[in-house]
C-alpha atoms as a PDB file:
ATOM      1  CA  UNK A   1      24.655 -47.998   9.151  1.00  0.00           C
ATOM      2  CA  UNK A   2      23.093 -44.745   7.887  1.00  0.00           C
ATOM      3  CA  UNK A   3      20.137 -45.290   5.220  1.00  0.00           C
ATOM      4  CA  UNK A   4      21.141 -44.106   1.595  1.00  0.00           C
ATOM      5  CA  UNK A   5      20.605 -40.949   0.474  1.00  0.00           C
ATOM      6  CA  UNK A   6      18.333 -41.408  -2.479  1.00  0.00           C
ATOM      7  CA  UNK A   7      17.909 -38.376  -4.297  1.00  0.00           C
ATOM      8  CA  UNK A   8      20.067 -37.975  -7.464  1.00  0.00           C
ATOM      9  CA  UNK A   9      18.648 -34.496  -8.220  1.00  0.00           C
ATOM     10  CA  UNK A  10      18.756 -31.349  -5.849  1.00  0.00           C
ATOM     11  CA  UNK A  11      15.845 -30.182  -4.033  1.00  0.00           C
ATOM     12  CA  UNK A  12      13.488 -27.470  -5.709  1.00  0.00           C
ATOM     13  CA  UNK A  13      15.154 -23.948  -5.260  1.00  0.00           C
ATOM     14  CA  UNK A  14      11.729 -22.658  -3.615  1.00  0.00           C
ATOM     15  CA  UNK A  15      12.152 -25.204  -0.642  1.00  0.00           C
ATOM     16  CA  UNK A  16      13.164 -23.829   2.443  1.00  0.00           C
ATOM     17  CA  UNK A  17      15.997 -25.589   4.310  1.00  0.00           C
ATOM     18  CA  UNK A  18      13.336 -26.892   6.931  1.00  0.00           C
ATOM     19  CA  UNK A  19      11.378 -28.345   4.092  1.00  0.00           C
ATOM     20  CA  UNK A  20      14.397 -30.154   2.681  1.00  0.00           C
ATOM     21  CA  UNK A  21      15.382 -31.507   6.228  1.00  0.00           C
ATOM     22  CA  UNK A  22      11.907 -32.822   6.847  1.00  0.00           C
ATOM     23  CA  UNK A  23      11.615 -34.371   3.336  1.00  0.00           C
ATOM     24  CA  UNK A  24      14.706 -35.720   2.369  1.00  0.00           C
ATOM     25  CA  UNK A  25      16.509 -36.182   5.697  1.00  0.00           C
ATOM     26  CA  UNK A  26      13.693 -38.122   7.246  1.00  0.00           C
ATOM     27  CA  UNK A  27      15.869 -41.346   7.614  1.00  0.00           C
ATOM     28  CA  UNK A  28      18.373 -39.246   9.300  1.00  0.00           C
ATOM     29  CA  UNK A  29      16.022 -37.194  11.618  1.00  0.00           C
ATOM     30  CA  UNK A  30      17.992 -38.391  14.900  1.00  0.00           C
ATOM     31  CA  UNK A  31      21.223 -37.130  13.675  1.00  0.00           C
ATOM     32  CA  UNK A  32      20.369 -34.166  11.932  1.00  0.00           C
ATOM     33  CA  UNK A  33      17.800 -32.489  14.220  1.00  0.00           C
ATOM     34  CA  UNK A  34      20.655 -30.319  15.925  1.00  0.00           C
ATOM     35  CA  UNK A  35      22.764 -29.345  12.840  1.00  0.00           C
ATOM     36  CA  UNK A  36      23.492 -26.026  11.849  1.00  0.00           C
ATOM     37  CA  UNK A  37      23.748 -25.319   7.974  1.00  0.00           C
ATOM     38  CA  UNK A  38      26.214 -22.959   6.810  1.00  0.00           C
ATOM     39  CA  UNK A  39      26.325 -20.547   4.084  1.00  0.00           C
ATOM     40  CA  UNK A  40      29.144 -19.825   1.345  1.00  0.00           C
ATOM     41  CA  UNK A  41      31.127 -17.398   3.917  1.00  0.00           C
ATOM     42  CA  UNK A  42      31.226 -20.559   6.172  1.00  0.00           C
ATOM     43  CA  UNK A  43      29.043 -18.963   8.766  1.00  0.00           C
ATOM     44  CA  UNK A  44      25.732 -20.950  10.186  1.00  0.00           C
ATOM     45  CA  UNK A  45      22.689 -19.349   8.184  1.00  0.00           C
ATOM     46  CA  UNK A  46      20.666 -17.099  10.584  1.00  0.00           C
ATOM     47  CA  UNK A  47      17.317 -18.099   9.472  1.00  0.00           C
ATOM     48  CA  UNK A  48      15.315 -20.802   7.513  1.00  0.00           C
ATOM     49  CA  UNK A  49      16.403 -19.769   3.672  1.00  0.00           C
ATOM     50  CA  UNK A  50      15.121 -20.727   0.465  1.00  0.00           C
ATOM     51  CA  UNK A  51      17.509 -23.391  -1.163  1.00  0.00           C
ATOM     52  CA  UNK A  52      18.108 -21.134  -3.794  1.00  0.00           C
ATOM     53  CA  UNK A  53      19.046 -18.278  -1.846  1.00  0.00           C
ATOM     54  CA  UNK A  54      21.396 -20.491   0.060  1.00  0.00           C
ATOM     55  CA  UNK A  55      22.878 -21.836  -3.121  1.00  0.00           C
ATOM     56  CA  UNK A  56      23.558 -18.182  -4.260  1.00  0.00           C
ATOM     57  CA  UNK A  57      25.583 -17.632  -1.336  1.00  0.00           C
ATOM     58  CA  UNK A  58      28.228 -20.315  -2.198  1.00  0.00           C
ATOM     59  CA  UNK A  59      28.204 -18.631  -5.632  1.00  0.00           C
ATOM     60  CA  UNK A  60      28.666 -15.429  -4.143  1.00  0.00           C
ATOM     61  CA  UNK A  61      31.590 -16.579  -2.253  1.00  0.00           C
ATOM     62  CA  UNK A  62      33.545 -18.442  -5.129  1.00  0.00           C
ATOM     63  CA  UNK A  63      32.709 -15.835  -7.828  1.00  0.00           C
ATOM     64  CA  UNK A  64      32.218 -12.590  -5.927  1.00  0.00           C
ATOM     65  CA  UNK A  65      28.910 -11.330  -7.478  1.00  0.00           C
ATOM     66  CA  UNK A  66      25.467 -12.485  -8.250  1.00  0.00           C
ATOM     67  CA  UNK A  67      24.970 -10.008 -11.326  1.00  0.00           C
ATOM     68  CA  UNK A  68      25.897 -11.081 -14.797  1.00  0.00           C
ATOM     69  CA  UNK A  69      28.959  -9.386 -16.445  1.00  0.00           C
ATOM     70  CA  UNK A  70      28.630  -6.308 -17.939  1.00  0.00           C
ATOM     71  CA  UNK A  71      30.348  -7.322 -20.885  1.00  0.00           C
ATOM     72  CA  UNK A  72      28.195 -10.555 -21.604  1.00  0.00           C
ATOM     73  CA  UNK A  73      24.972  -8.729 -20.772  1.00  0.00           C
ATOM     74  CA  UNK A  74      25.685  -5.758 -23.326  1.00  0.00           C
ATOM     75  CA  UNK A  75      26.368  -8.389 -25.926  1.00  0.00           C
ATOM     76  CA  UNK A  76      23.409  -9.831 -25.527  1.00  0.00           C
ATOM     77  CA  UNK A  77      21.188  -7.175 -25.720  1.00  0.00           C
ATOM     78  CA  UNK A  78      18.984  -6.598 -29.307  1.00  0.00           C
ATOM     79  CA  UNK A  79      18.570  -3.346 -30.374  1.00  0.00           C
ATOM     80  CA  UNK A  80      14.885  -2.790 -31.353  1.00  0.00           C
ATOM     81  CA  UNK A  81      13.771   0.132 -33.915  1.00  0.00           C
ATOM     82  CA  UNK A  82      12.213   2.854 -32.023  1.00  0.00           C
ATOM     83  CA  UNK A  83       8.454   3.179 -33.333  1.00  0.00           C
ATOM     84  CA  UNK A  84       6.288   6.484 -32.859  1.00  0.00           C
ATOM     85  CA  UNK A  85       3.210   5.686 -30.931  1.00  0.00           C
ATOM     86  CA  UNK A  86       0.119   7.475 -32.273  1.00  0.00           C
ATOM     87  CA  UNK A  87      -3.152   7.829 -30.838  1.00  0.00           C
ATOM     88  CA  UNK A  88      -5.419   6.085 -33.417  1.00  0.00           C
ATOM     89  CA  UNK A  89      -7.983   8.620 -34.925  1.00  0.00           C
ATOM     90  CA  UNK A  90     -10.816   8.756 -37.125  1.00  0.00           C
ATOM     91  CA  UNK A  91     -10.199   8.987 -41.027  1.00  0.00           C
ATOM     92  CA  UNK A  92     -11.251  13.284 -40.574  1.00  0.00           C
ATOM     93  CA  UNK A  93      -8.108  13.013 -37.960  1.00  0.00           C
ATOM     94  CA  UNK A  94     -10.801  13.668 -34.855  1.00  0.00           C
ATOM     95  CA  UNK A  95      -9.995  11.133 -32.004  1.00  0.00           C
ATOM     96  CA  UNK A  96     -12.577   8.219 -31.958  1.00  0.00           C
ATOM     97  CA  UNK A  97     -15.539   8.267 -29.667  1.00  0.00           C
ATOM     98  CA  UNK A  98     -15.495   5.991 -26.966  1.00  0.00           C
ATOM     99  CA  UNK A  99     -19.700   6.263 -27.070  1.00  0.00           C
ATOM    100  CA  UNK A 100     -20.831   2.469 -28.718  1.00  0.00           C
ATOM    101  CA  UNK A 101     -23.100   3.137 -31.873  1.00  0.00           C
ATOM    102  CA  UNK A 102     -26.094   1.060 -32.289  1.00  0.00           C
END
């Protein structure tokens, strides 16, 4: 009988596949030692990836792109007024000296 998988939440995005295997599959170590991990394209991953990057391959395979849709991105942009940047000057119009007065 297999031990239960007692992790109701996904592992952190920054963990690598090897970290996940070592931390979460310790009870299955003899069963998963030679197991291949597959990306979204159905091919074995060529190297030890971060879990977030591996998960992205499944999203990309299902939806075609990892970029946000342009229409949605443009609708969420807030136009800020342009401000003229002026160099701060002293009252007489000359730039302030960097020397410190005593």
